Protein backbone atom coordinates (compact mmCIF):
# COMPACT_ATOMS: atom_id res chain seq x y z
CA MET A 1 -115.63 -78.41 -152.92
CA THR A 2 -117.08 -81.17 -150.79
CA GLU A 3 -116.28 -84.86 -150.76
CA PRO A 4 -118.18 -87.02 -153.31
CA PRO A 5 -121.17 -88.82 -151.79
CA ALA A 6 -121.38 -92.55 -151.24
CA PRO A 7 -122.71 -94.63 -154.15
CA VAL A 8 -126.47 -94.32 -154.54
CA GLU A 9 -127.09 -97.96 -153.69
CA GLU A 10 -125.31 -97.53 -150.36
CA ILE A 11 -127.36 -94.44 -149.49
CA CYS A 12 -130.53 -96.32 -150.39
CA SER A 13 -129.41 -99.26 -148.26
CA ASP A 14 -128.70 -96.99 -145.31
CA LEU A 15 -132.14 -95.38 -145.57
CA ILE A 16 -133.91 -98.74 -145.67
CA ARG A 17 -132.31 -99.76 -142.38
CA PHE A 18 -134.14 -96.94 -140.58
CA ASP A 19 -137.58 -98.15 -139.47
CA THR A 20 -139.86 -95.40 -140.72
CA SER A 21 -143.02 -97.51 -140.80
CA ASN A 22 -146.17 -95.42 -140.91
CA PRO A 23 -148.18 -95.97 -138.83
CA GLY A 24 -145.97 -97.33 -136.10
CA GLY A 25 -142.63 -95.61 -136.55
CA ARG A 26 -140.89 -92.27 -136.64
CA GLU A 27 -138.85 -90.50 -139.32
CA ARG A 28 -136.44 -88.67 -137.01
CA GLU A 29 -133.38 -90.94 -137.32
CA ALA A 30 -133.69 -91.12 -141.10
CA ALA A 31 -134.17 -87.35 -141.23
CA GLU A 32 -131.06 -86.77 -139.14
CA TYR A 33 -129.11 -89.05 -141.48
CA VAL A 34 -130.33 -87.07 -144.50
CA ALA A 35 -129.62 -83.75 -142.80
CA GLY A 36 -126.10 -84.94 -142.05
CA LEU A 37 -125.48 -85.78 -145.70
CA LEU A 38 -126.82 -82.39 -146.79
CA ALA A 39 -124.67 -80.57 -144.23
CA GLY A 40 -121.66 -82.50 -145.53
CA MET A 41 -122.40 -81.06 -148.97
CA GLY A 42 -122.10 -77.56 -147.53
CA LEU A 43 -125.86 -76.96 -147.36
CA ASP A 44 -127.86 -75.67 -144.39
CA PRO A 45 -130.70 -78.17 -143.85
CA ARG A 46 -133.63 -77.45 -141.53
CA VAL A 47 -135.32 -80.24 -139.59
CA ILE A 48 -138.96 -79.39 -138.95
CA GLU A 49 -141.46 -81.42 -136.94
CA ALA A 50 -145.23 -81.13 -136.73
CA GLU A 51 -145.13 -83.67 -133.90
CA PRO A 52 -142.18 -85.10 -131.95
CA GLY A 53 -140.31 -87.60 -134.08
CA ARG A 54 -142.22 -86.86 -137.30
CA SER A 55 -139.35 -85.10 -138.98
CA ASN A 56 -139.07 -83.24 -142.28
CA VAL A 57 -135.83 -81.99 -143.82
CA VAL A 58 -135.67 -78.98 -146.15
CA ALA A 59 -132.61 -77.43 -147.79
CA ARG A 60 -132.07 -74.93 -150.59
CA VAL A 61 -129.26 -75.11 -153.13
CA ALA A 62 -128.59 -71.61 -154.44
CA GLY A 63 -128.48 -71.36 -158.22
CA THR A 64 -126.36 -69.11 -160.38
CA ASP A 65 -129.31 -67.34 -162.06
CA PRO A 66 -131.60 -65.58 -159.56
CA GLU A 67 -134.12 -64.93 -162.35
CA ALA A 68 -134.62 -68.61 -163.14
CA PRO A 69 -137.69 -70.22 -161.54
CA ALA A 70 -136.80 -72.62 -158.74
CA LEU A 71 -137.47 -76.36 -158.78
CA LEU A 72 -138.61 -78.43 -155.79
CA VAL A 73 -137.38 -82.01 -155.55
CA GLN A 74 -139.41 -83.82 -152.91
CA GLY A 75 -139.66 -87.32 -151.51
CA HIS A 76 -141.03 -89.02 -148.43
CA LEU A 77 -139.02 -90.83 -145.77
CA ASP A 78 -141.83 -92.96 -144.34
CA THR A 79 -142.90 -96.38 -145.60
CA VAL A 80 -145.79 -98.71 -145.05
CA PRO A 81 -145.11 -101.42 -142.44
CA ALA A 82 -143.59 -104.75 -143.46
CA ASP A 83 -143.93 -108.16 -141.80
CA PRO A 84 -140.66 -110.10 -142.29
CA GLY A 85 -142.64 -113.32 -142.71
CA GLY A 86 -142.62 -114.31 -146.36
CA TRP A 87 -139.72 -112.04 -147.34
CA THR A 88 -136.63 -113.56 -148.93
CA ARG A 89 -134.52 -110.96 -147.13
CA HIS A 90 -135.40 -108.90 -144.07
CA PRO A 91 -137.44 -105.84 -145.11
CA ARG A 92 -135.23 -103.53 -143.05
CA GLY A 93 -131.93 -105.21 -143.88
CA GLY A 94 -131.09 -103.01 -146.85
CA GLU A 95 -129.12 -105.85 -148.42
CA ILE A 96 -127.42 -105.26 -151.74
CA ALA A 97 -127.59 -108.62 -153.48
CA ASP A 98 -128.33 -110.10 -156.91
CA GLY A 99 -128.02 -106.67 -158.49
CA HIS A 100 -130.75 -105.14 -156.31
CA VAL A 101 -131.17 -103.16 -153.10
CA TRP A 102 -133.71 -105.07 -151.00
CA GLY A 103 -136.10 -103.84 -148.37
CA ARG A 104 -139.14 -101.77 -147.53
CA GLY A 105 -138.86 -98.43 -149.27
CA ALA A 106 -136.59 -99.64 -152.07
CA VAL A 107 -139.11 -98.31 -154.59
CA ASP A 108 -141.51 -96.36 -152.35
CA MET A 109 -139.58 -94.15 -152.11
CA LYS A 110 -136.19 -94.28 -150.44
CA ASN A 111 -134.73 -95.02 -153.88
CA ALA A 112 -135.73 -91.53 -155.06
CA VAL A 113 -134.39 -89.91 -151.90
CA ALA A 114 -131.08 -91.70 -152.42
CA MET A 115 -130.90 -90.70 -156.09
CA THR A 116 -131.54 -87.05 -155.22
CA LEU A 117 -128.90 -87.02 -152.49
CA ALA A 118 -126.35 -88.79 -154.69
CA ALA A 119 -126.99 -86.50 -157.66
CA VAL A 120 -126.88 -83.23 -155.72
CA GLY A 121 -123.85 -84.39 -153.77
CA ALA A 122 -121.98 -85.36 -156.93
CA GLU A 123 -122.67 -82.01 -158.62
CA LEU A 124 -121.60 -79.99 -155.60
CA ALA A 125 -118.50 -82.14 -155.10
CA ALA A 126 -117.56 -81.41 -158.72
CA GLY A 127 -117.80 -77.69 -157.97
CA ARG A 128 -120.95 -77.18 -160.05
CA ARG A 129 -123.95 -75.17 -158.89
CA PRO A 130 -127.31 -75.45 -160.59
CA ARG A 131 -128.55 -72.59 -162.76
CA ARG A 132 -131.81 -72.36 -160.84
CA ASP A 133 -132.39 -72.66 -157.09
CA LEU A 134 -133.19 -76.19 -155.99
CA VAL A 135 -135.31 -76.79 -152.93
CA LEU A 136 -134.90 -80.28 -151.49
CA ALA A 137 -137.67 -81.57 -149.21
CA PHE A 138 -137.60 -84.99 -147.57
CA VAL A 139 -140.84 -85.37 -145.70
CA ALA A 140 -142.76 -87.45 -143.18
CA ASP A 141 -146.18 -89.05 -143.18
CA GLU A 142 -146.96 -89.45 -146.89
CA GLU A 143 -148.26 -92.97 -146.39
CA THR A 144 -151.12 -91.77 -144.18
CA GLY A 145 -151.97 -88.64 -146.13
CA GLY A 146 -149.10 -86.24 -145.50
CA ARG A 147 -150.69 -84.02 -142.85
CA LEU A 148 -147.53 -84.12 -140.69
CA GLY A 149 -145.21 -83.90 -143.66
CA ALA A 150 -145.86 -82.00 -146.88
CA GLY A 151 -149.17 -80.73 -145.54
CA HIS A 152 -147.49 -79.19 -142.50
CA LEU A 153 -144.72 -77.61 -144.56
CA VAL A 154 -147.19 -76.10 -147.03
CA ALA A 155 -149.43 -74.74 -144.26
CA GLU A 156 -146.79 -73.47 -141.83
CA HIS A 157 -143.57 -73.03 -143.81
CA ALA A 158 -144.62 -72.04 -147.32
CA ASP A 159 -141.80 -69.46 -147.37
CA LEU A 160 -139.30 -72.29 -147.75
CA PHE A 161 -140.67 -72.88 -151.26
CA GLU A 162 -140.48 -69.28 -152.41
CA GLY A 163 -139.81 -69.06 -156.13
CA CYS A 164 -140.60 -72.72 -156.84
CA ARG A 165 -142.66 -73.04 -160.00
CA ALA A 166 -142.49 -76.81 -160.35
CA ALA A 167 -141.99 -79.89 -158.20
CA ILE A 168 -140.97 -83.45 -158.95
CA GLY A 169 -141.61 -86.49 -156.77
CA GLU A 170 -143.23 -89.89 -157.20
CA VAL A 171 -144.50 -91.78 -159.32
CA GLY A 172 -143.04 -91.71 -162.86
CA GLY A 173 -139.95 -91.31 -164.98
CA PHE A 174 -139.61 -95.05 -165.57
CA ASN A 175 -139.93 -97.06 -168.78
CA VAL A 176 -142.79 -99.39 -169.65
CA PRO A 177 -142.44 -102.38 -171.98
CA ALA A 178 -142.12 -101.46 -175.63
CA PRO A 179 -142.73 -104.07 -178.35
CA SER A 180 -139.60 -102.93 -180.17
CA GLY A 181 -137.36 -99.94 -180.55
CA PRO A 182 -136.34 -97.38 -177.93
CA PRO A 183 -137.85 -97.35 -174.42
CA VAL A 184 -141.06 -95.48 -173.66
CA PHE A 185 -140.74 -93.50 -170.43
CA VAL A 186 -143.84 -92.26 -168.61
CA VAL A 187 -144.00 -89.13 -166.46
CA SER A 188 -147.00 -88.59 -164.20
CA VAL A 189 -148.80 -85.29 -164.76
CA ALA A 190 -151.78 -86.07 -162.54
CA ASP A 191 -152.80 -87.84 -159.37
CA LYS A 192 -156.31 -89.21 -159.14
CA GLY A 193 -158.48 -87.81 -156.37
CA LEU A 194 -159.45 -89.90 -153.37
CA ARG A 195 -162.75 -90.47 -151.61
CA TRP A 196 -163.07 -93.01 -148.79
CA TYR A 197 -166.56 -94.13 -147.85
CA GLU A 198 -168.24 -96.20 -145.16
CA VAL A 199 -171.40 -98.08 -146.09
CA ARG A 200 -173.46 -99.26 -143.13
CA GLU A 201 -176.47 -101.57 -143.07
CA ARG A 202 -178.69 -101.82 -139.99
CA GLY A 203 -180.84 -104.81 -139.07
CA VAL A 204 -182.32 -106.59 -136.09
CA ALA A 205 -180.06 -108.38 -133.62
CA GLY A 206 -181.03 -111.86 -132.50
CA HIS A 207 -179.99 -115.37 -131.51
CA GLY A 208 -177.88 -117.19 -134.05
CA SER A 209 -179.95 -120.38 -133.72
CA MET A 210 -183.22 -118.79 -134.87
CA ILE A 211 -184.60 -117.62 -138.19
CA ALA A 212 -183.16 -114.15 -138.70
CA ARG A 213 -185.65 -111.30 -138.79
CA ASP A 214 -183.32 -108.91 -140.59
CA ASN A 215 -179.64 -109.86 -140.80
CA PRO A 216 -177.68 -106.86 -142.14
CA ILE A 217 -174.70 -108.91 -143.32
CA PRO A 218 -176.31 -110.40 -146.46
CA ARG A 219 -177.66 -106.98 -147.42
CA LEU A 220 -174.21 -105.45 -146.95
CA ALA A 221 -172.74 -108.22 -149.12
CA GLU A 222 -175.25 -107.47 -151.88
CA THR A 223 -174.60 -103.74 -151.69
CA THR A 224 -170.84 -104.29 -151.74
CA LEU A 225 -171.08 -106.59 -154.75
CA ARG A 226 -173.15 -104.05 -156.66
CA LEU A 227 -170.69 -101.27 -155.89
CA VAL A 228 -167.51 -103.09 -156.85
CA SER A 229 -168.81 -105.11 -159.80
CA ALA A 230 -170.62 -102.32 -161.67
CA GLU A 231 -168.86 -101.46 -164.91
CA ARG A 232 -167.22 -98.06 -164.54
CA PRO A 233 -167.28 -95.79 -167.62
CA TYR A 234 -164.05 -94.66 -169.21
CA THR A 235 -162.89 -91.16 -168.28
CA VAL A 236 -159.98 -90.75 -170.69
CA THR A 237 -158.00 -87.52 -170.41
CA GLU A 238 -155.67 -86.12 -173.05
CA PRO A 239 -152.45 -87.27 -171.31
CA MET A 240 -153.67 -90.86 -171.50
CA ARG A 241 -154.48 -90.52 -175.20
CA VAL A 242 -150.95 -89.23 -175.75
CA LEU A 243 -149.55 -92.19 -173.80
CA ALA A 244 -151.57 -94.72 -175.80
CA SER A 245 -150.48 -93.10 -179.07
CA ARG A 246 -146.80 -93.21 -178.09
CA LEU A 247 -147.10 -96.85 -177.10
CA ALA A 248 -148.94 -97.78 -180.31
CA GLY A 249 -146.70 -95.70 -182.56
CA ARG A 250 -149.75 -94.09 -184.20
CA PRO A 251 -152.62 -91.78 -183.20
CA VAL A 252 -155.05 -93.41 -180.77
CA THR A 253 -158.19 -91.42 -180.00
CA GLY A 254 -161.16 -93.62 -179.09
CA ASP A 255 -161.68 -94.52 -175.44
CA GLU A 256 -161.98 -98.24 -176.14
CA GLU A 257 -158.82 -98.22 -178.22
CA VAL A 258 -156.92 -96.29 -175.52
CA ALA A 259 -158.03 -98.88 -172.98
CA ASP A 260 -156.98 -101.75 -175.24
CA VAL A 261 -153.50 -100.33 -175.83
CA LEU A 262 -152.93 -99.72 -172.12
CA ALA A 263 -154.18 -103.18 -171.20
CA THR A 264 -152.30 -105.17 -173.83
CA ARG A 265 -149.04 -103.30 -174.43
CA THR A 266 -147.79 -102.37 -170.98
CA GLY A 267 -147.10 -105.74 -169.35
CA PRO A 268 -147.11 -105.58 -165.53
CA PHE A 269 -147.99 -101.86 -165.67
CA ALA A 270 -151.43 -102.55 -167.16
CA ARG A 271 -153.32 -102.59 -163.83
CA MET A 272 -151.82 -99.27 -162.80
CA LEU A 273 -152.16 -97.50 -166.15
CA THR A 274 -155.69 -98.66 -166.98
CA ALA A 275 -156.77 -97.38 -163.56
CA GLY A 276 -155.84 -93.93 -164.85
CA ILE A 277 -158.73 -93.90 -167.33
CA ARG A 278 -161.64 -94.72 -165.04
CA GLY A 279 -162.86 -94.30 -161.48
CA THR A 280 -162.10 -97.23 -159.20
CA VAL A 281 -164.13 -98.63 -156.30
CA ASN A 282 -162.50 -101.19 -154.00
CA VAL A 283 -163.81 -102.59 -150.73
CA THR A 284 -160.92 -102.67 -148.27
CA ARG A 285 -162.44 -103.35 -144.82
CA VAL A 286 -165.56 -105.07 -143.50
CA GLY A 287 -166.94 -105.56 -140.01
CA ALA A 288 -169.95 -106.98 -138.17
CA GLY A 289 -170.84 -108.77 -134.98
CA HIS A 290 -168.98 -109.72 -131.83
CA LYS A 291 -169.98 -113.34 -131.18
CA GLU A 292 -170.67 -116.41 -133.31
CA ASN A 293 -174.14 -117.09 -131.94
CA VAL A 294 -175.42 -113.50 -132.17
CA ILE A 295 -176.94 -112.05 -135.32
CA PRO A 296 -175.56 -108.50 -135.38
CA GLY A 297 -177.68 -105.39 -135.48
CA GLU A 298 -175.45 -103.70 -138.05
CA ALA A 299 -172.67 -104.37 -140.54
CA TRP A 300 -170.29 -102.04 -142.31
CA ALA A 301 -167.78 -101.92 -145.15
CA ARG A 302 -165.24 -99.33 -146.17
CA PHE A 303 -164.29 -98.40 -149.71
CA ASP A 304 -161.25 -96.82 -151.29
CA CYS A 305 -162.47 -94.88 -154.32
CA ARG A 306 -160.31 -92.90 -156.76
CA PHE A 307 -161.49 -90.54 -159.48
CA VAL A 308 -159.90 -89.06 -162.58
CA PRO A 309 -159.60 -85.24 -162.41
CA GLY A 310 -162.91 -83.71 -163.45
CA HIS A 311 -165.03 -86.76 -162.65
CA GLU A 312 -165.60 -86.61 -158.89
CA GLU A 313 -169.38 -86.17 -158.95
CA GLU A 314 -169.85 -89.23 -161.15
CA LEU A 315 -168.07 -91.39 -158.59
CA HIS A 316 -170.01 -89.93 -155.66
CA GLU A 317 -173.29 -90.53 -157.43
CA HIS A 318 -172.35 -94.17 -157.97
CA LEU A 319 -171.56 -94.70 -154.27
CA THR A 320 -174.81 -93.13 -153.09
CA SER A 321 -177.29 -94.53 -155.62
CA VAL A 322 -176.77 -98.29 -155.95
CA HIS A 323 -178.26 -99.48 -152.66
CA GLY A 324 -181.51 -99.64 -150.73
CA GLY A 325 -183.15 -96.81 -148.87
CA GLY A 326 -182.02 -98.10 -145.48
CA THR A 327 -178.35 -97.98 -146.32
CA GLU A 328 -176.20 -95.26 -144.75
CA VAL A 329 -173.28 -93.91 -146.78
CA SER A 330 -170.70 -91.66 -145.12
CA LEU A 331 -167.72 -89.90 -146.66
CA LEU A 332 -164.74 -90.53 -144.39
CA ARG A 333 -162.00 -88.69 -146.25
CA ARG A 334 -161.46 -86.69 -149.41
CA SER A 335 -158.24 -85.71 -151.13
CA PRO A 336 -158.31 -83.62 -154.30
CA PRO A 337 -156.73 -84.62 -157.59
CA ALA A 338 -153.70 -82.85 -159.03
CA LEU A 339 -153.28 -82.07 -162.72
CA SER A 340 -150.36 -80.32 -164.42
CA ASP A 341 -149.39 -79.26 -167.93
CA HIS A 342 -148.07 -82.03 -170.16
CA GLU A 343 -147.07 -79.74 -173.03
CA GLY A 344 -145.19 -76.88 -171.38
CA GLN A 345 -141.65 -75.98 -170.34
CA TRP A 346 -141.33 -78.24 -167.32
CA PHE A 347 -142.53 -81.40 -169.02
CA GLY A 348 -140.19 -80.52 -171.86
CA LEU A 349 -137.24 -80.34 -169.47
CA LEU A 350 -138.02 -83.76 -168.04
CA THR A 351 -138.41 -85.19 -171.53
CA GLY A 352 -135.12 -83.67 -172.59
CA VAL A 353 -132.99 -85.11 -169.79
CA LEU A 354 -134.41 -88.60 -170.31
CA ARG A 355 -133.61 -88.40 -174.01
CA GLN A 356 -130.12 -87.10 -173.33
CA GLU A 357 -129.40 -90.14 -171.19
CA CYS A 358 -131.34 -92.53 -173.43
CA PRO A 359 -131.20 -91.24 -177.03
CA GLY A 360 -134.26 -91.97 -179.14
CA ALA A 361 -136.51 -92.71 -176.18
CA GLU A 362 -140.17 -91.78 -176.25
CA VAL A 363 -141.58 -89.85 -173.28
CA ALA A 364 -145.30 -89.67 -172.53
CA PRO A 365 -147.53 -88.27 -169.77
CA PHE A 366 -149.92 -90.36 -167.70
CA VAL A 367 -152.47 -90.13 -164.90
CA PHE A 368 -151.24 -91.92 -161.79
CA SER A 369 -153.78 -94.27 -160.22
CA GLY A 370 -153.03 -93.17 -156.66
CA GLY A 371 -152.17 -90.02 -154.75
CA THR A 372 -148.86 -88.46 -153.74
CA ASP A 373 -147.56 -85.42 -151.90
CA ASN A 374 -147.84 -83.56 -155.20
CA LYS A 375 -151.39 -82.65 -154.14
CA TRP A 376 -150.00 -80.53 -151.29
CA PHE A 377 -147.42 -78.68 -153.35
CA ARG A 378 -149.92 -78.09 -156.14
CA THR A 379 -151.80 -75.81 -153.73
CA LEU A 380 -148.81 -73.44 -153.82
CA GLY A 381 -149.27 -73.01 -157.56
CA MET A 382 -146.49 -75.35 -158.67
CA GLU A 383 -146.68 -77.62 -161.67
CA THR A 384 -146.15 -81.10 -160.18
CA TYR A 385 -144.79 -84.21 -161.84
CA GLY A 386 -144.06 -87.81 -160.94
CA PHE A 387 -140.43 -88.19 -161.86
CA THR A 388 -138.24 -90.85 -160.29
CA PRO A 389 -136.16 -91.68 -163.39
CA MET A 390 -135.17 -95.31 -163.82
CA LEU A 391 -134.41 -97.58 -166.75
CA LEU A 392 -136.02 -100.83 -165.61
CA PRO A 393 -134.83 -104.22 -166.90
CA PRO A 394 -137.12 -106.65 -168.77
CA GLY A 395 -139.14 -108.92 -166.51
CA TYR A 396 -138.98 -106.63 -163.48
CA ASP A 397 -142.50 -106.16 -162.07
CA TYR A 398 -142.15 -102.62 -160.80
CA PRO A 399 -145.80 -102.04 -159.78
CA ALA A 400 -145.73 -105.21 -157.64
CA MET A 401 -142.93 -103.72 -155.57
CA PHE A 402 -145.13 -100.95 -154.13
CA HIS A 403 -146.13 -102.10 -150.62
CA GLY A 404 -145.29 -105.66 -151.70
CA VAL A 405 -143.26 -108.55 -150.32
CA ASP A 406 -139.61 -108.66 -151.44
CA GLU A 407 -139.61 -104.99 -152.46
CA ARG A 408 -136.34 -104.30 -154.26
CA CYS A 409 -134.81 -101.91 -156.77
CA PRO A 410 -132.20 -102.71 -159.44
CA VAL A 411 -128.86 -101.08 -158.70
CA GLU A 412 -128.37 -100.12 -162.35
CA ALA A 413 -131.76 -98.39 -162.35
CA LEU A 414 -130.64 -96.30 -159.37
CA ARG A 415 -127.41 -95.34 -161.12
CA PHE A 416 -129.37 -94.40 -164.27
CA GLY A 417 -131.58 -92.20 -162.12
CA VAL A 418 -128.59 -90.38 -160.65
CA ARG A 419 -127.25 -89.61 -164.12
CA VAL A 420 -130.63 -88.24 -165.24
CA MET A 421 -131.03 -86.18 -162.08
CA ARG A 422 -127.57 -84.67 -162.52
CA ARG A 423 -128.58 -83.58 -166.02
CA LEU A 424 -131.77 -82.05 -164.67
CA ILE A 425 -129.97 -80.24 -161.87
CA SER A 426 -127.58 -78.63 -164.35
CA LEU A 427 -130.37 -77.03 -166.43
């Protein structure tokens, strides 16, 4: 037997202190730390790099039943950058204070990495092996698309995932506000697809003191306003109807009623959950000109658009039809959606371990508003789920923590997650 691991909050704190900002940083030191913990558990981790410093760690825990399908538990080591200005505590300090672990990555997603390491380490230290093989993957580059992380592993090292029929990662497994009664936990069964566009308007350059012949900036502003303000139709999938019904405590079928339940009964989660029932169009960057007294010859804007599985063409048509004939629209990047079964064996296992730890709890599927590394592992035929189990306290604005100032995770939520993960590992 190996020595028991450090408490989960300490592992999470350690991970936060590694600067894995993406872009701008490297994952190697964090990966070496993780590999060291895995080696201390008696495992044989591999560190794999697509580029120098962009490190991924993969290890397999042999199960007792070679016939049982394997499970992949994956999480990313990189984070978005953080400017210390405005933070109560330094974003890379990893302080444990006021019942929370503070810092960049505390919820996205060094918390999940820490929970996985603590849970696996505790089971192995107790002399218990899982029934099924577990593959543990801690990857680079998720925050800029995953090409150097999960994408590289899937393309070049798919053999490491042999036998895996399901994968869990971010985002899900947490509870949303319930008016009364037991908690309602949500498990992501889908990621929305992504399409990034550039819209460019061309005009006639000239002197800023004269009457403009054709200034492209006002036209770009009008086009942008039309794109982002147009009412998007509901695209409600069955998982979201199930979620609304569980939240309401009765069958909810109509699209408008699903939207109302998600918007009014989920507190700070409403913006995230309601985005799972419609395509979204957000302008994220704009540019024009190079000098105050020069009317520019062109202006551009970039848009982050997300679509519910099965509704990609509708979104593309919207982006290419609500502007004038002189407007140029270019697709910059596309990432497919991922959709998994919300009624089968794997979702049942996740439901079961949450209910074992929290008797009487409701568990429902949902469509995540963003994208995760699940899209890469889905290409290997795995069912993929967002499952970072946490019992969140009242008043804690979990969605605001993602990429936000003062990102922090409750210590008790981390400990809850370790207990749930240990139950899952034992199945």
